[in-house]
Amino acid sequence: MKDPIADMMNMLKNAGNAGKPTITIPHSKHKLAIAKCLKDQGYLASIEEVKNKNGIMSLTLGVAYSAGLPKIKHVDRVSKTSRRVYSGVDTITKVRQGQGIVVLSTPKGILSGKDAKTAQVGGEVLFNIW
């Protein structure tokens, strides 16, 4: 796994396209924060932290559907390990004329573009989702 965030987002998109109700991914604080942001925006149905018998943590994420179709149709990774993209509060743009969201890593945590504008913070643009 060279890019765990991209892997997580691709797993969510593919699970939705395959009609699966949940996915299980390795646990990290960063992935948990991203999952909480996506749940707040309605792109995830549920989040559960699971510990197996060996003490290894994992995240079980419920895929959200609307009228039988997955809510996550496309994910566009903006910042990558080779190229970081930052955005100030004034340059946070809408995604697909407001049909999607931009997710940022800010000093106040992982926030959607709308929440970052409300909090008056900019940060690293992680990905766009719609």
Protein backbone atom coordinates (compact mmCIF):
# COMPACT_ATOMS: atom_id res chain seq x y z
CA MET A 1 0.00 0.00 0.00
CA LYS A 2 1.75 3.09 -1.21
CA ASP A 3 -1.25 5.38 -0.77
CA PRO A 4 -3.62 4.13 1.94
CA ILE A 5 -6.14 6.96 1.42
CA ALA A 6 -6.48 6.25 -2.30
CA ASP A 7 -6.81 2.53 -1.55
CA MET A 8 -9.56 3.25 1.00
CA MET A 9 -11.49 5.46 -1.40
CA ASN A 10 -11.18 2.97 -4.30
CA MET A 11 -12.37 0.15 -2.02
CA LEU A 12 -15.44 2.22 -1.05
CA LYS A 13 -16.24 3.08 -4.67
CA ASN A 14 -15.78 -0.52 -5.85
CA ALA A 15 -17.85 -1.92 -2.97
CA GLY A 16 -20.68 0.41 -3.89
CA ASN A 17 -20.51 -0.60 -7.55
CA ALA A 18 -20.54 -4.29 -6.52
CA GLY A 19 -23.50 -3.76 -4.16
CA LYS A 20 -21.64 -4.78 -0.99
CA PRO A 21 -22.98 -3.43 2.31
CA THR A 22 -19.62 -3.00 4.11
CA ILE A 23 -15.85 -3.06 3.66
CA THR A 24 -13.10 -3.78 6.18
CA ILE A 25 -9.82 -1.88 6.05
CA PRO A 26 -6.78 -1.60 8.34
CA HIS A 27 -7.24 0.96 11.12
CA SER A 28 -5.43 4.29 11.35
CA LYS A 29 -6.35 7.58 12.99
CA HIS A 30 -6.18 9.36 9.65
CA LYS A 31 -8.53 6.90 7.93
CA LEU A 32 -10.92 7.11 10.89
CA ALA A 33 -11.00 10.91 10.65
CA ILE A 34 -11.70 10.72 6.90
CA ALA A 35 -14.44 8.14 7.50
CA LYS A 36 -16.08 10.40 10.12
CA CYS A 37 -16.03 13.31 7.68
CA LEU A 38 -17.60 11.16 4.94
CA LYS A 39 -20.27 9.89 7.38
CA ASP A 40 -21.14 13.46 8.37
CA GLN A 41 -21.59 14.30 4.68
CA GLY A 42 -23.75 11.21 4.01
CA TYR A 43 -21.30 9.17 1.94
CA LEU A 44 -20.99 6.41 4.56
CA ALA A 45 -23.79 4.60 6.38
CA SER A 46 -21.79 3.45 9.41
CA ILE A 47 -18.34 3.27 11.00
CA GLU A 48 -17.25 0.53 13.37
CA GLU A 49 -13.85 -0.01 14.98
CA VAL A 50 -13.18 -3.74 15.36
CA LYS A 51 -10.41 -5.44 17.33
CA ASN A 52 -9.64 -9.07 16.44
CA LYS A 53 -8.36 -11.72 18.86
CA ASN A 54 -4.73 -10.76 18.16
CA GLY A 55 -5.41 -7.15 19.14
CA ILE A 56 -5.17 -5.80 15.59
CA MET A 57 -7.62 -2.96 14.89
CA SER A 58 -9.62 -2.59 11.69
CA LEU A 59 -12.38 -0.33 10.44
CA THR A 60 -15.65 -1.66 9.08
CA LEU A 61 -17.30 0.98 6.92
CA GLY A 62 -20.91 0.77 5.77
CA VAL A 63 -21.44 1.88 2.17
CA ALA A 64 -24.28 4.40 1.75
CA TYR A 65 -26.88 3.89 -0.96
CA SER A 66 -29.62 6.16 -2.31
CA ALA A 67 -32.49 4.52 -4.19
CA GLY A 68 -30.38 1.40 -4.68
CA LEU A 69 -27.44 3.31 -6.17
CA PRO A 70 -24.19 3.96 -4.31
CA LYS A 71 -23.67 7.55 -3.16
CA ILE A 72 -19.97 7.39 -4.07
CA LYS A 73 -19.83 7.50 -7.86
CA HIS A 74 -16.36 8.91 -8.39
CA VAL A 75 -13.29 9.82 -6.35
CA ASP A 76 -10.55 12.11 -7.61
CA ARG A 77 -7.35 12.02 -5.52
CA VAL A 78 -5.80 15.51 -5.59
CA SER A 79 -2.80 15.41 -3.22
CA LYS A 80 -0.55 12.46 -3.77
CA THR A 81 2.66 11.32 -2.15
CA SER A 82 4.61 12.80 -5.06
CA ARG A 83 2.64 16.06 -5.33
CA ARG A 84 1.01 17.95 -2.47
CA VAL A 85 -1.75 20.45 -3.26
CA TYR A 86 -2.74 23.12 -0.73
CA SER A 87 -5.69 25.47 -0.74
CA GLY A 88 -6.34 28.61 1.25
CA VAL A 89 -9.80 29.36 2.60
CA ASP A 90 -10.43 31.75 -0.33
CA THR A 91 -9.52 29.18 -3.00
CA ILE A 92 -11.64 26.22 -1.82
CA THR A 93 -13.84 25.42 -4.81
CA LYS A 94 -17.13 23.61 -5.29
CA VAL A 95 -17.05 20.11 -6.74
CA ARG A 96 -19.37 19.45 -9.69
CA GLN A 97 -21.44 22.60 -9.09
CA GLY A 98 -22.09 21.60 -5.47
CA GLN A 99 -22.99 17.96 -6.20
CA GLY A 100 -19.83 16.67 -4.48
CA ILE A 101 -17.44 17.64 -1.73
CA VAL A 102 -13.76 18.37 -1.34
CA VAL A 103 -12.01 16.87 1.70
CA LEU A 104 -9.12 18.76 3.28
CA SER A 105 -6.57 18.06 5.97
CA THR A 106 -6.53 21.25 8.05
CA PRO A 107 -5.02 22.34 11.37
CA LYS A 108 -8.49 21.67 12.84
CA GLY A 109 -8.57 18.09 11.51
CA ILE A 110 -10.08 16.47 8.43
CA LEU A 111 -12.89 18.72 7.15
CA SER A 112 -15.10 19.04 4.11
CA GLY A 113 -14.69 22.19 2.01
CA LYS A 114 -17.89 23.69 3.41
CA ASP A 115 -16.81 23.06 7.01
CA ALA A 116 -13.33 24.45 6.31
CA LYS A 117 -14.83 27.67 4.93
CA THR A 118 -17.04 27.96 8.00
CA ALA A 119 -14.03 27.42 10.28
CA GLN A 120 -11.96 29.85 8.16
CA VAL A 121 -9.07 27.41 7.61
CA GLY A 122 -7.29 26.10 4.55
CA GLY A 123 -5.15 23.03 4.17
CA GLU A 124 -4.05 20.13 2.03
CA VAL A 125 -6.66 19.04 -0.50
CA LEU A 126 -6.92 15.25 -0.10
CA PHE A 127 -9.59 14.32 -2.65
CA ASN A 128 -12.83 15.28 -4.37
CA ILE A 129 -15.78 12.93 -4.13
CA TRP A 130 -19.19 12.82 -5.81
